[in-house]
Amino acid sequence: MKVEQQVVDEIVTQLQKLEFGSLLITVHNGKVTQVDCTEKRRLNK
């Protein structure tokens, strides 16, 4: 599977922004179709 540079750049950008959380990459028919970023934030008590 060859991934377009634009997709790689978007994934790297999202990873660099993420401090705590997850990055979900959805693939359909061998192509990345969606990138979901969920950031976790802890509130001080």
PDB file of N, CA and C in Angstrom:
ATOM      1  N   MET A   1       0.845  -1.182   0.000  1.00  0.00           N
ATOM      2  CA  MET A   1       0.000   0.000   0.000  1.00  0.00           C
ATOM      3  C   MET A   1       0.886   1.239   0.000  1.00  0.00           C
ATOM      4  N   LYS A   2       0.659   2.127  -0.950  1.00  0.00           N
ATOM      5  CA  LYS A   2       1.391   3.383  -1.014  1.00  0.00           C
ATOM      6  C   LYS A   2       0.490   4.492  -0.472  1.00  0.00           C
ATOM      7  N   VAL A   3       1.038   5.270   0.450  1.00  0.00           N
ATOM      8  CA  VAL A   3       0.273   6.343   1.084  1.00  0.00           C
ATOM      9  C   VAL A   3       0.728   7.672   0.496  1.00  0.00           C
ATOM     10  N   GLU A   4      -0.239   8.515   0.125  1.00  0.00           N
ATOM     11  CA  GLU A   4       0.078   9.823  -0.443  1.00  0.00           C
ATOM     12  C   GLU A   4       0.785  10.691   0.597  1.00  0.00           C
ATOM     13  N   GLN A   5       1.691  11.520   0.128  1.00  0.00           N
ATOM     14  CA  GLN A   5       2.471  12.376   1.022  1.00  0.00           C
ATOM     15  C   GLN A   5       1.576  13.312   1.822  1.00  0.00           C
ATOM     16  N   GLN A   6       0.493  13.778   1.226  1.00  0.00           N
ATOM     17  CA  GLN A   6      -0.441  14.668   1.929  1.00  0.00           C
ATOM     18  C   GLN A   6      -1.030  13.970   3.154  1.00  0.00           C
ATOM     19  N   VAL A   7      -1.342  12.691   3.020  1.00  0.00           N
ATOM     20  CA  VAL A   7      -1.897  11.922   4.134  1.00  0.00           C
ATOM     21  C   VAL A   7      -0.843  11.746   5.222  1.00  0.00           C
ATOM     22  N   VAL A   8       0.371  11.411   4.824  1.00  0.00           N
ATOM     23  CA  VAL A   8       1.469  11.253   5.788  1.00  0.00           C
ATOM     24  C   VAL A   8       1.700  12.564   6.535  1.00  0.00           C
ATOM     25  N   ASP A   9       1.707  13.673   5.806  1.00  0.00           N
ATOM     26  CA  ASP A   9       1.915  14.986   6.424  1.00  0.00           C
ATOM     27  C   ASP A   9       0.825  15.295   7.447  1.00  0.00           C
ATOM     28  N   GLU A  10      -0.425  14.970   7.121  1.00  0.00           N
ATOM     29  CA  GLU A  10      -1.538  15.228   8.042  1.00  0.00           C
ATOM     30  C   GLU A  10      -1.406  14.385   9.306  1.00  0.00           C
ATOM     31  N   ILE A  11      -1.033  13.131   9.152  1.00  0.00           N
ATOM     32  CA  ILE A  11      -0.862  12.250  10.308  1.00  0.00           C
ATOM     33  C   ILE A  11       0.263  12.756  11.202  1.00  0.00           C
ATOM     34  N   VAL A  12       1.380  13.139  10.611  1.00  0.00           N
ATOM     35  CA  VAL A  12       2.519  13.651  11.380  1.00  0.00           C
ATOM     36  C   VAL A  12       2.133  14.942  12.099  1.00  0.00           C
ATOM     37  N   THR A  13       1.408  15.829  11.423  1.00  0.00           N
ATOM     38  CA  THR A  13       0.970  17.086  12.032  1.00  0.00           C
ATOM     39  C   THR A  13       0.086  16.824  13.247  1.00  0.00           C
ATOM     40  N   GLN A  14      -0.862  15.910  13.106  1.00  0.00           N
ATOM     41  CA  GLN A  14      -1.753  15.590  14.219  1.00  0.00           C
ATOM     42  C   GLN A  14      -0.991  14.967  15.385  1.00  0.00           C
ATOM     43  N   LEU A  15      -0.021  14.105  15.087  1.00  0.00           N
ATOM     44  CA  LEU A  15       0.783  13.488  16.145  1.00  0.00           C
ATOM     45  C   LEU A  15       1.618  14.522  16.892  1.00  0.00           C
ATOM     46  N   GLN A  16       2.144  15.505  16.170  1.00  0.00           N
ATOM     47  CA  GLN A  16       2.964  16.539  16.804  1.00  0.00           C
ATOM     48  C   GLN A  16       2.133  17.416  17.733  1.00  0.00           C
ATOM     49  N   LYS A  17       0.870  17.629  17.408  1.00  0.00           N
ATOM     50  CA  LYS A  17      -0.020  18.449  18.236  1.00  0.00           C
ATOM     51  C   LYS A  17      -0.502  17.703  19.477  1.00  0.00           C
ATOM     52  N   LEU A  18      -0.519  16.388  19.417  1.00  0.00           N
ATOM     53  CA  LEU A  18      -1.134  15.564  20.451  1.00  0.00           C
ATOM     54  C   LEU A  18      -0.195  15.344  21.628  1.00  0.00           C
ATOM     55  N   GLU A  19      -0.655  15.727  22.827  1.00  0.00           N
ATOM     56  CA  GLU A  19       0.143  15.495  24.028  1.00  0.00           C
ATOM     57  C   GLU A  19      -0.332  14.235  24.749  1.00  0.00           C
ATOM     58  N   PHE A  20      -1.653  14.118  24.953  1.00  0.00           N
ATOM     59  CA  PHE A  20      -2.264  12.928  25.545  1.00  0.00           C
ATOM     60  C   PHE A  20      -3.517  12.615  24.742  1.00  0.00           C
ATOM     61  N   GLY A  21      -3.672  11.397  24.312  1.00  0.00           N
ATOM     62  CA  GLY A  21      -4.871  11.031  23.569  1.00  0.00           C
ATOM     63  C   GLY A  21      -4.599   9.929  22.571  1.00  0.00           C
ATOM     64  N   SER A  22      -5.396   9.935  21.500  1.00  0.00           N
ATOM     65  CA  SER A  22      -5.245   8.886  20.501  1.00  0.00           C
ATOM     66  C   SER A  22      -5.476   9.434  19.101  1.00  0.00           C
ATOM     67  N   LEU A  23      -4.885   8.741  18.140  1.00  0.00           N
ATOM     68  CA  LEU A  23      -5.042   9.068  16.729  1.00  0.00           C
ATOM     69  C   LEU A  23      -5.547   7.806  16.050  1.00  0.00           C
ATOM     70  N   LEU A  24      -6.732   7.874  15.470  1.00  0.00           N
ATOM     71  CA  LEU A  24      -7.359   6.728  14.820  1.00  0.00           C
ATOM     72  C   LEU A  24      -7.313   6.942  13.314  1.00  0.00           C
ATOM     73  N   ILE A  25      -6.719   6.006  12.599  1.00  0.00           N
ATOM     74  CA  ILE A  25      -6.602   6.086  11.145  1.00  0.00           C
ATOM     75  C   ILE A  25      -7.522   5.028  10.549  1.00  0.00           C
ATOM     76  N   THR A  26      -8.492   5.472   9.740  1.00  0.00           N
ATOM     77  CA  THR A  26      -9.449   4.564   9.112  1.00  0.00           C
ATOM     78  C   THR A  26      -9.027   4.307   7.673  1.00  0.00           C
ATOM     79  N   VAL A  27      -8.999   3.026   7.302  1.00  0.00           N
ATOM     80  CA  VAL A  27      -8.579   2.621   5.959  1.00  0.00           C
ATOM     81  C   VAL A  27      -9.706   1.823   5.309  1.00  0.00           C
ATOM     82  N   HIS A  28     -10.044   2.167   4.064  1.00  0.00           N
ATOM     83  CA  HIS A  28     -11.028   1.422   3.271  1.00  0.00           C
ATOM     84  C   HIS A  28     -10.406   1.096   1.924  1.00  0.00           C
ATOM     85  N   ASN A  29     -10.459  -0.156   1.548  1.00  0.00           N
ATOM     86  CA  ASN A  29      -9.914  -0.607   0.262  1.00  0.00           C
ATOM     87  C   ASN A  29      -8.468  -0.182   0.067  1.00  0.00           C
ATOM     88  N   GLY A  30      -7.688  -0.234   1.142  1.00  0.00           N
ATOM     89  CA  GLY A  30      -6.266   0.067   1.046  1.00  0.00           C
ATOM     90  C   GLY A  30      -5.917   1.540   1.015  1.00  0.00           C
ATOM     91  N   LYS A  31      -6.895   2.420   1.246  1.00  0.00           N
ATOM     92  CA  LYS A  31      -6.633   3.859   1.240  1.00  0.00           C
ATOM     93  C   LYS A  31      -7.089   4.476   2.552  1.00  0.00           C
ATOM     94  N   VAL A  32      -6.298   5.419   3.055  1.00  0.00           N
ATOM     95  CA  VAL A  32      -6.676   6.143   4.268  1.00  0.00           C
ATOM     96  C   VAL A  32      -7.844   7.050   3.911  1.00  0.00           C
ATOM     97  N   THR A  33      -8.949   6.881   4.626  1.00  0.00           N
ATOM     98  CA  THR A  33     -10.138   7.681   4.335  1.00  0.00           C
ATOM     99  C   THR A  33     -10.463   8.688   5.430  1.00  0.00           C
ATOM    100  N   GLN A  34      -9.889   8.472   6.626  1.00  0.00           N
ATOM    101  CA  GLN A  34     -10.233   9.359   7.738  1.00  0.00           C
ATOM    102  C   GLN A  34      -9.160   9.300   8.805  1.00  0.00           C
ATOM    103  N   VAL A  35      -8.914  10.450   9.432  1.00  0.00           N
ATOM    104  CA  VAL A  35      -8.000  10.530  10.567  1.00  0.00           C
ATOM    105  C   VAL A  35      -8.745  11.239  11.690  1.00  0.00           C
ATOM    106  N   ASP A  36      -8.943  10.535  12.811  1.00  0.00           N
ATOM    107  CA  ASP A  36      -9.632  11.102  13.973  1.00  0.00           C
ATOM    108  C   ASP A  36      -8.633  11.291  15.102  1.00  0.00           C
ATOM    109  N   CYS A  37      -8.624  12.485  15.664  1.00  0.00           N
ATOM    110  CA  CYS A  37      -7.726  12.786  16.767  1.00  0.00           C
ATOM    111  C   CYS A  37      -8.574  13.088  18.003  1.00  0.00           C
ATOM    112  N   THR A  38      -8.312  12.358  19.084  1.00  0.00           N
ATOM    113  CA  THR A  38      -9.011  12.574  20.348  1.00  0.00           C
ATOM    114  C   THR A  38      -7.983  12.972  21.393  1.00  0.00           C
ATOM    115  N   GLU A  39      -8.141  14.166  21.934  1.00  0.00           N
ATOM    116  CA  GLU A  39      -7.190  14.651  22.927  1.00  0.00           C
ATOM    117  C   GLU A  39      -7.799  14.542  24.316  1.00  0.00           C
ATOM    118  N   LYS A  40      -7.023  14.034  25.238  1.00  0.00           N
ATOM    119  CA  LYS A  40      -7.448  13.907  26.632  1.00  0.00           C
ATOM    120  C   LYS A  40      -6.869  15.074  27.421  1.00  0.00           C
ATOM    121  N   ARG A  41      -7.691  15.652  28.268  1.00  0.00           N
ATOM    122  CA  ARG A  41      -7.229  16.738  29.137  1.00  0.00           C
ATOM    123  C   ARG A  41      -7.616  16.415  30.562  1.00  0.00           C
ATOM    124  N   ARG A  42      -6.663  16.533  31.449  1.00  0.00           N
ATOM    125  CA  ARG A  42      -6.933  16.301  32.871  1.00  0.00           C
ATOM    126  C   ARG A  42      -7.123  17.649  33.551  1.00  0.00           C
ATOM    127  N   LEU A  43      -8.148  17.715  34.347  1.00  0.00           N
ATOM    128  CA  LEU A  43      -8.429  18.942  35.083  1.00  0.00           C
ATOM    129  C   LEU A  43      -7.834  18.821  36.470  1.00  0.00           C
ATOM    130  N   ASN A  44      -7.176  19.874  36.918  1.00  0.00           N
ATOM    131  CA  ASN A  44      -6.603  19.879  38.266  1.00  0.00           C
ATOM    132  C   ASN A  44      -7.721  19.933  39.288  1.00  0.00           C
ATOM    133  N   LYS A  45      -7.551  19.180  40.373  1.00  0.00           N
ATOM    134  CA  LYS A  45      -8.577  19.152  41.428  1.00  0.00           C
ATOM    135  C   LYS A  45      -8.456  20.344  42.325  1.00  0.00           C
TER     136      LYS A  45
END
